[in-house]
Every structure is written in structure tokens, then in C-alpha cells.
Protein backbone atom coordinates (compact mmCIF):
# COMPACT_ATOMS: atom_id res chain seq x y z
CA UNK A 1 0.00 0.00 0.00
CA UNK A 2 1.08 3.53 -0.69
CA UNK A 3 0.28 6.11 2.04
CA UNK A 4 -1.03 8.43 -0.70
CA UNK A 5 -3.35 5.74 -2.09
CA UNK A 6 -6.99 6.97 -1.84
CA UNK A 7 -8.35 3.40 -1.68
CA UNK A 8 -10.42 2.73 1.48
CA UNK A 9 -9.23 -0.01 3.79
CA UNK A 10 -10.06 -1.53 7.19
CA UNK A 11 -8.08 -2.77 10.17
CA UNK A 12 -9.20 -4.91 13.08
CA UNK A 13 -7.49 -5.46 16.45
CA UNK A 14 -8.43 -7.88 19.26
CA UNK A 15 -9.08 -7.32 22.93
CA UNK A 16 -6.55 -8.77 25.34
CA UNK A 17 -6.18 -9.92 28.92
CA UNK A 18 -2.95 -9.06 30.73
CA UNK A 19 -1.25 -10.76 33.68
CA UNK A 20 -3.50 -13.88 33.81
CA UNK A 21 -2.75 -13.81 37.52
CA UNK A 22 1.00 -13.97 38.18
CA UNK A 23 2.43 -12.64 34.88
CA UNK A 24 2.33 -8.97 35.88
CA UNK A 25 3.34 -6.63 33.02
CA UNK A 26 4.85 -9.46 30.98
CA UNK A 27 2.16 -12.02 30.14
CA UNK A 28 -0.94 -11.34 28.03
CA UNK A 29 -3.31 -13.08 25.63
CA UNK A 30 -5.50 -11.91 22.76
CA UNK A 31 -9.19 -12.83 22.93
CA UNK A 32 -11.99 -12.88 20.37
CA UNK A 33 -13.55 -9.46 20.92
CA UNK A 34 -12.56 -6.80 18.41
CA UNK A 35 -12.19 -3.16 17.53
CA UNK A 36 -12.55 -2.29 13.86
CA UNK A 37 -11.61 0.87 11.98
CA UNK A 38 -12.82 1.56 8.43
CA UNK A 39 -10.55 4.13 6.82
CA UNK A 40 -11.59 6.45 3.97
CA UNK A 41 -8.61 8.58 2.86
CA UNK A 42 -9.30 12.17 1.82
CA UNK A 43 -11.22 15.16 3.14
CA UNK A 44 -10.01 18.27 4.93
CA UNK A 45 -8.58 16.71 8.09
CA UNK A 46 -8.54 13.55 10.19
CA UNK A 47 -12.05 12.85 11.50
CA UNK A 48 -13.01 9.98 13.81
CA UNK A 49 -16.60 8.71 13.84
CA UNK A 50 -18.36 6.13 16.01
CA UNK A 51 -20.25 5.57 19.22
CA UNK A 52 -18.74 6.72 22.51
CA UNK A 53 -17.23 9.84 23.96
CA UNK A 54 -13.74 9.49 22.50
CA UNK A 55 -11.92 12.42 20.82
CA UNK A 56 -13.02 13.03 17.25
CA UNK A 57 -9.84 14.49 15.77
CA UNK A 58 -6.07 14.14 15.83
CA UNK A 59 -6.04 13.80 19.63
CA UNK A 60 -7.78 10.42 19.33
CA UNK A 61 -5.55 7.53 20.52
CA UNK A 62 -5.89 5.68 17.20
CA UNK A 63 -4.77 8.75 15.30
CA UNK A 64 -1.93 9.46 17.73
CA UNK A 65 -0.65 5.90 17.31
CA UNK A 66 -0.84 6.23 13.51
CA UNK A 67 1.05 9.52 13.68
CA UNK A 68 3.97 7.92 15.54
CA UNK A 69 4.74 5.98 12.35
CA UNK A 70 3.47 8.52 9.83
CA UNK A 71 4.47 12.05 10.83
CA UNK A 72 2.71 13.46 7.77
CA UNK A 73 -0.60 11.76 8.37
CA UNK A 74 -2.94 12.82 5.59
CA UNK A 75 -6.64 13.71 5.98
CA UNK A 76 -8.92 10.69 6.38
CA UNK A 77 -12.19 9.60 7.94
CA UNK A 78 -11.99 6.80 10.50
CA UNK A 79 -15.21 4.94 11.31
CA UNK A 80 -14.71 3.08 14.58
CA UNK A 81 -16.80 0.17 15.87
CA UNK A 82 -15.79 -1.74 18.99
CA UNK A 83 -17.06 -4.75 20.91
CA UNK A 84 -14.46 -4.22 23.65
CA UNK A 85 -15.74 -2.89 26.98
CA UNK A 86 -13.74 0.22 27.90
CA UNK A 87 -12.02 0.61 31.24
CA UNK A 88 -12.75 -3.00 32.21
CA UNK A 89 -9.32 -4.63 31.93
CA UNK A 90 -9.74 -6.01 28.41
CA UNK A 91 -7.15 -3.94 26.58
CA UNK A 92 -9.45 -1.47 24.80
CA UNK A 93 -6.73 1.18 24.59
CA UNK A 94 -4.15 -1.37 23.41
CA UNK A 95 -6.49 -2.44 20.59
CA UNK A 96 -6.86 1.21 19.60
CA UNK A 97 -3.08 1.64 19.60
CA UNK A 98 -2.55 -1.54 17.57
CA UNK A 99 -5.13 -0.45 14.99
CA UNK A 100 -3.54 2.99 14.78
CA UNK A 101 -0.08 1.53 14.25
CA UNK A 102 -1.33 -0.50 11.30
CA UNK A 103 -2.94 2.61 9.82
CA UNK A 104 0.33 4.54 10.25
CA UNK A 105 2.43 1.74 8.74
CA UNK A 106 0.54 1.53 5.44
CA UNK A 107 2.87 0.56 2.64
CA UNK A 108 5.64 -0.62 4.98
CA UNK A 109 6.42 -4.07 6.32
CA UNK A 110 7.52 -3.25 9.87
CA UNK A 111 8.82 -5.95 12.22
CA UNK A 112 6.68 -6.90 15.21
CA UNK A 113 9.26 -5.73 17.75
CA UNK A 114 9.28 -2.27 16.13
CA UNK A 115 5.49 -2.01 16.35
CA UNK A 116 5.43 -3.28 19.94
CA UNK A 117 8.10 -0.76 20.96
CA UNK A 118 6.09 2.07 19.39
CA UNK A 119 2.90 0.89 21.09
CA UNK A 120 4.60 0.43 24.45
CA UNK A 121 5.83 4.01 24.33
CA UNK A 122 2.19 5.14 24.09
CA UNK A 123 0.69 2.65 26.57
CA UNK A 124 3.55 2.72 29.09
CA UNK A 125 3.82 -1.08 29.12
CA UNK A 126 3.86 -3.58 26.28
CA UNK A 127 1.89 -6.63 27.39
CA UNK A 128 -1.58 -5.78 26.01
CA UNK A 129 -0.13 -4.08 22.92
CA UNK A 130 2.02 -7.10 22.09
CA UNK A 131 -0.97 -9.44 22.40
CA UNK A 132 -3.18 -7.15 20.30
CA UNK A 133 -0.54 -6.99 17.57
CA UNK A 134 0.62 -10.62 17.57
CA UNK A 135 -2.44 -12.57 18.71
CA UNK A 136 -2.17 -15.71 20.81
CA UNK A 137 -0.34 -15.57 24.14
CA UNK A 138 2.72 -13.39 24.45
CA UNK A 139 5.54 -12.90 26.90
CA UNK A 140 6.32 -9.20 26.53
CA UNK A 141 9.34 -7.17 27.60
CA UNK A 142 12.93 -7.36 26.41
CA UNK A 143 13.79 -6.99 22.75
CA UNK A 144 10.79 -8.75 21.21
CA UNK A 145 7.69 -10.57 22.47
CA UNK A 146 7.70 -14.36 22.52
CA UNK A 147 4.42 -15.72 21.18
CA UNK A 148 2.65 -19.09 21.16
CA UNK A 149 -0.83 -20.45 20.47
CA UNK A 150 -2.81 -21.38 23.60
CA UNK A 151 -3.98 -24.92 24.12
CA UNK A 152 -7.69 -25.19 23.18
CA UNK A 153 -8.65 -27.27 26.22
CA UNK A 154 -8.17 -24.20 28.43
CA UNK A 155 -10.62 -21.41 27.64
CA UNK A 156 -11.03 -17.87 29.04
CA UNK A 157 -14.36 -16.80 30.49
CA UNK A 158 -14.85 -13.17 31.53
CA UNK A 159 -17.14 -11.66 34.12
CA UNK A 160 -17.48 -7.98 33.26
CA UNK A 161 -19.02 -5.48 35.69
CA UNK A 162 -20.84 -2.27 34.83
CA UNK A 163 -18.25 -0.24 36.75
CA UNK A 164 -14.84 0.66 35.37
CA UNK A 165 -11.38 1.26 36.82
CA UNK A 166 -8.84 3.56 35.12
CA UNK A 167 -5.52 1.78 34.63
CA UNK A 168 -3.40 4.73 35.92
CA UNK A 169 -5.30 4.65 39.20
CA UNK A 170 -4.79 0.90 39.51
CA UNK A 171 -1.05 1.33 38.96
CA UNK A 172 -0.70 4.11 41.53
CA UNK A 173 -1.41 1.77 44.45
CA UNK A 174 1.35 -0.72 43.60
CA UNK A 175 4.42 -0.68 45.87
CA UNK A 176 7.94 0.05 44.61
CA UNK A 177 9.31 -3.02 46.46
CA UNK A 178 7.84 -6.43 47.25
CA UNK A 179 9.02 -9.22 49.57
CA UNK A 180 11.37 -11.75 48.01
CA UNK A 181 9.03 -14.62 48.93
CA UNK A 182 6.21 -12.93 46.96
CA UNK A 183 8.43 -12.51 43.91
CA UNK A 184 9.43 -16.17 44.05
CA UNK A 185 5.81 -17.26 44.46
CA UNK A 186 4.76 -15.33 41.36
CA UNK A 187 7.72 -16.56 39.31
CA UNK A 188 6.79 -20.14 40.14
CA UNK A 189 3.13 -19.55 39.25
CA UNK A 190 3.91 -17.79 35.97
CA UNK A 191 6.31 -20.57 34.94
CA UNK A 192 3.70 -23.22 35.67
CA UNK A 193 1.04 -21.24 33.84
CA UNK A 194 3.24 -21.05 30.73
CA UNK A 195 3.67 -24.81 30.79
CA UNK A 196 -0.08 -25.36 31.10
CA UNK A 197 -1.13 -22.85 28.44
CA UNK A 198 1.49 -23.99 25.93
CA UNK A 199 0.60 -27.66 26.28
CA UNK A 200 3.80 -28.77 28.00
CA UNK A 201 1.82 -30.46 30.77
CA UNK A 202 -1.75 -31.66 31.28
CA UNK A 203 -4.29 -28.97 32.32
CA UNK A 204 -5.14 -30.36 35.74
CA UNK A 205 -7.63 -28.03 37.51
CA UNK A 206 -5.55 -28.04 40.70
CA UNK A 207 -2.38 -27.09 38.85
CA UNK A 208 -4.23 -24.36 36.95
CA UNK A 209 -5.54 -22.94 40.21
CA UNK A 210 -2.01 -22.90 41.62
CA UNK A 211 -0.61 -21.39 38.42
CA UNK A 212 -2.97 -18.39 38.48
CA UNK A 213 -2.13 -17.37 42.04
CA UNK A 214 -0.83 -13.80 42.43
CA UNK A 215 0.53 -11.77 45.33
CA UNK A 216 2.30 -8.95 43.45
CA UNK A 217 -0.56 -6.76 42.25
CA UNK A 218 -4.03 -8.09 43.04
CA UNK A 219 -3.90 -7.75 46.85
CA UNK A 220 -2.84 -4.10 46.57
CA UNK A 221 -5.61 -3.30 44.08
CA UNK A 222 -8.36 -5.14 45.95
CA UNK A 223 -9.58 -2.04 47.89
CA UNK A 224 -10.19 -0.23 44.57
CA UNK A 225 -12.61 -2.94 43.38
CA UNK A 226 -13.82 -4.95 46.40
CA UNK A 227 -16.59 -6.71 44.44
CA UNK A 228 -14.00 -7.93 41.94
CA UNK A 229 -11.69 -9.14 44.71
CA UNK A 230 -14.60 -10.90 46.41
CA UNK A 231 -15.64 -12.65 43.19
CA UNK A 232 -12.08 -13.82 42.50
CA UNK A 233 -11.83 -15.20 46.04
CA UNK A 234 -15.19 -16.96 45.75
CA UNK A 235 -14.30 -18.61 42.45
CA UNK A 236 -10.88 -19.70 43.63
CA UNK A 237 -12.28 -21.15 46.84
CA UNK A 238 -14.57 -23.23 44.61
CA UNK A 239 -11.67 -24.57 42.56
CA UNK A 240 -11.97 -22.23 39.57
CA UNK A 241 -8.73 -20.64 38.32
CA UNK A 242 -9.80 -16.99 38.44
CA UNK A 243 -7.83 -13.75 38.42
CA UNK A 244 -8.34 -10.06 37.85
CA UNK A 245 -8.37 -9.30 34.12
CA UNK A 246 -5.53 -6.86 33.60
CA UNK A 247 -5.91 -4.12 36.18
CA UNK A 248 -9.64 -4.87 36.52
CA UNK A 249 -12.36 -4.63 37.39
CA UNK A 250 -13.30 -7.59 35.13
CA UNK A 251 -12.52 -11.13 36.24
CA UNK A 252 -11.06 -13.82 33.98
CA UNK A 253 -11.53 -17.51 34.71
CA UNK A 254 -9.44 -20.12 32.91
CA UNK A 255 -11.85 -23.00 32.49
CA UNK A 256 -11.08 -26.66 31.79
CA UNK A 257 -13.25 -29.73 31.72
CA UNK A 258 -14.45 -30.28 35.24
CA UNK A 259 -14.54 -26.64 36.34
CA UNK A 260 -17.20 -25.16 34.03
CA UNK A 261 -19.99 -26.49 36.22
CA UNK A 262 -18.37 -24.96 39.29
CA UNK A 263 -18.05 -21.63 37.49
CA UNK A 264 -21.73 -21.62 36.57
CA UNK A 265 -22.77 -22.55 40.10
CA UNK A 266 -20.54 -19.97 41.77
CA UNK A 267 -21.67 -17.14 39.49
CA UNK A 268 -25.37 -17.95 39.70
CA UNK A 269 -27.18 -15.07 41.32
CA UNK A 270 -24.67 -12.36 40.40
CA UNK A 271 -26.50 -9.05 40.13
CA UNK A 272 -27.40 -7.53 36.77
CA UNK A 273 -24.31 -5.34 36.87
CA UNK A 274 -22.21 -8.31 35.75
CA UNK A 275 -22.24 -10.05 32.38
CA UNK A 276 -20.48 -13.17 31.21
CA UNK A 277 -18.43 -13.28 28.01
CA UNK A 278 -16.89 -16.35 26.38
CA UNK A 279 -14.91 -14.92 23.46
CA UNK A 280 -12.31 -17.66 23.14
CA UNK A 281 -8.65 -17.06 22.35
CA UNK A 282 -7.72 -14.99 19.29
CA UNK A 283 -4.69 -16.42 17.49
CA UNK A 284 -4.65 -13.64 14.88
CA UNK A 285 -3.42 -10.20 15.87
CA UNK A 286 -4.18 -6.79 14.41
CA UNK A 287 -4.57 -7.02 10.66
CA UNK A 288 -5.94 -5.48 7.48
CA UNK A 289 -9.29 -6.85 6.29
CA UNK A 290 -11.41 -6.30 3.12
CA UNK A 291 -13.35 -3.07 2.71
CA UNK A 292 -15.99 -2.28 1.55
CA UNK A 293 -18.45 -5.03 0.65
CA UNK A 294 -20.69 -5.02 -2.43
CA UNK A 295 -23.46 -3.26 -0.56
CA UNK A 296 -21.22 -0.30 0.14
CA UNK A 297 -20.77 -0.98 3.84
CA UNK A 298 -17.95 -2.47 5.89
CA UNK A 299 -16.98 -6.00 4.98
CA UNK A 300 -18.26 -8.68 7.30
CA UNK A 301 -15.73 -10.78 9.18
């Protein structure tokens, strides 16, 4: 593609769940909920359309991400549609950044590590951005993310509340130093979780519960979202491998055969402020897709 090409195009980027319990700021996975941007080059300036209260011009996060790779961003109309709940710990801003980076890279084949570095500079941390760009499960940090496909017998289930929690606020409460025993406990859990998710060992419910244990970030954030903390504790006490999704306030449960029934039983009676999502893993990252269809509207995925 040539940046000056007036042909319309579309990009799509997935939601993501960071940490998965013990993998704070380094482990994340893409899931099957998406943000889509239909791009029509031309016009007088950059205009962003869609539902929601986001900025409508060049101060929009998608546009800012595009501008990091294309300093001379030309006028265009961006039509944004998103299935991703905002401010709920499902990587809505990372999906926006990933989509913007693809828009800004038109006509250039940029390596993944370059895109992740650019996205991390905007987000402040690269876990969600790496997952949104690469798909699958990623270990972020260092020179380039390490990616693998998750084993299908373990599936993510999300419990999403009506409330939201800004990520900066959730990061403010984290301590500068943690006890050595807590660091070791999380390292052990994250290592075990990698083995389970990658298929290196059998997904035993007890091992999965142990592997999603965290003492580095969730206890400190619990006062900010007590209902979330209570739900995580209830699920875990019932044998379900649950954790805070990203910085919250959503909850992610990693479900295997034998724990789905427990999940349903333990979440029965949750008030109407919570909804359950089963999006599955997304093994494809941010990408270009066809636009428009024969009827003149966005192409269907």
C-alpha cells in the first residue's frame, strides 16, 4: 500500500487480557472481541466517527498511534466500531493503539518488535499491545515478544461489571518493592502457567488454580474494586482458576473440563451489573481486512 493511495481499507485489532494472575506486566493473551476501523482517505482533516465519547480528531488515541509511524498523516475519515468494553481490563486502549499503528504503517512491512516498541511508548507497558498486535499468548518485555498459540482445552471466560477502573489509578497503588518470597511465588506460578497454556503439561484443575495465584498486584488493588476481589476469592475457593483481568475490574476464569460447572454454580445469582463473556482465544493479531463489501458498507468478518 502507498500512504497516498486513496483506496479505502479496514483494520481490526483484538481485545486482550494481561497478567493472567501472576504474569504482571509481561504475560498477556488476545481474545476474540474486536475493535474495527474503516478508513476512507481524503477530506479536509482527520475525522473519527463512532459511538462513545472518544476524541473526534487528531487527539484520538488511534490517530496518535498512527502519527507515531506517519508524521505526515494525511486527511482521512476513520469509522470506529468496537465490541471491547472500555475501562474494564480487556485492553481497549491497546487495541486502539494496535489499529492505529497499522494505519500509520501503510505501505511498509515493519517488524513486530518495532510495532510493539512504538505501542509500548504510548501505553507505558507492552503486554496488552504485544498481544493485540501478535495474537495468541505473548511474553512481553525485552527486545521482542515471545508468542505461542494457547492450548484449546483451556478457555477464558470473563465476568465484566458495569463499573470501570482507570488503569493509571490501579497502577498508583502498587508498591515500589515487594518481599522476596512474593516474587518467588509469582515466578513459580507464571512458569507453571506457561507450561499449562502452551501444552507442556496436562491442564489439571488443581495445577491451573495454583498457576494463576498472584501476590504482586491483586492484593494491593483489591480495595479499589472490592466486588472484583470478592468474586475472584469466591471462584478460587470453589476450585476455579480466576484472576483479575488486567488491572480490573473484570474477572477472567481459565476454564477446563471439570470446572465449568463450578463456574456456573458460583456465578449464579450475580446481580445484573455483571455479564459473562466467552470470546475464546484470538490467534490472529491486528490485521488489514477487506473493505468495503458489495453493498457499500464495511466487509463482514
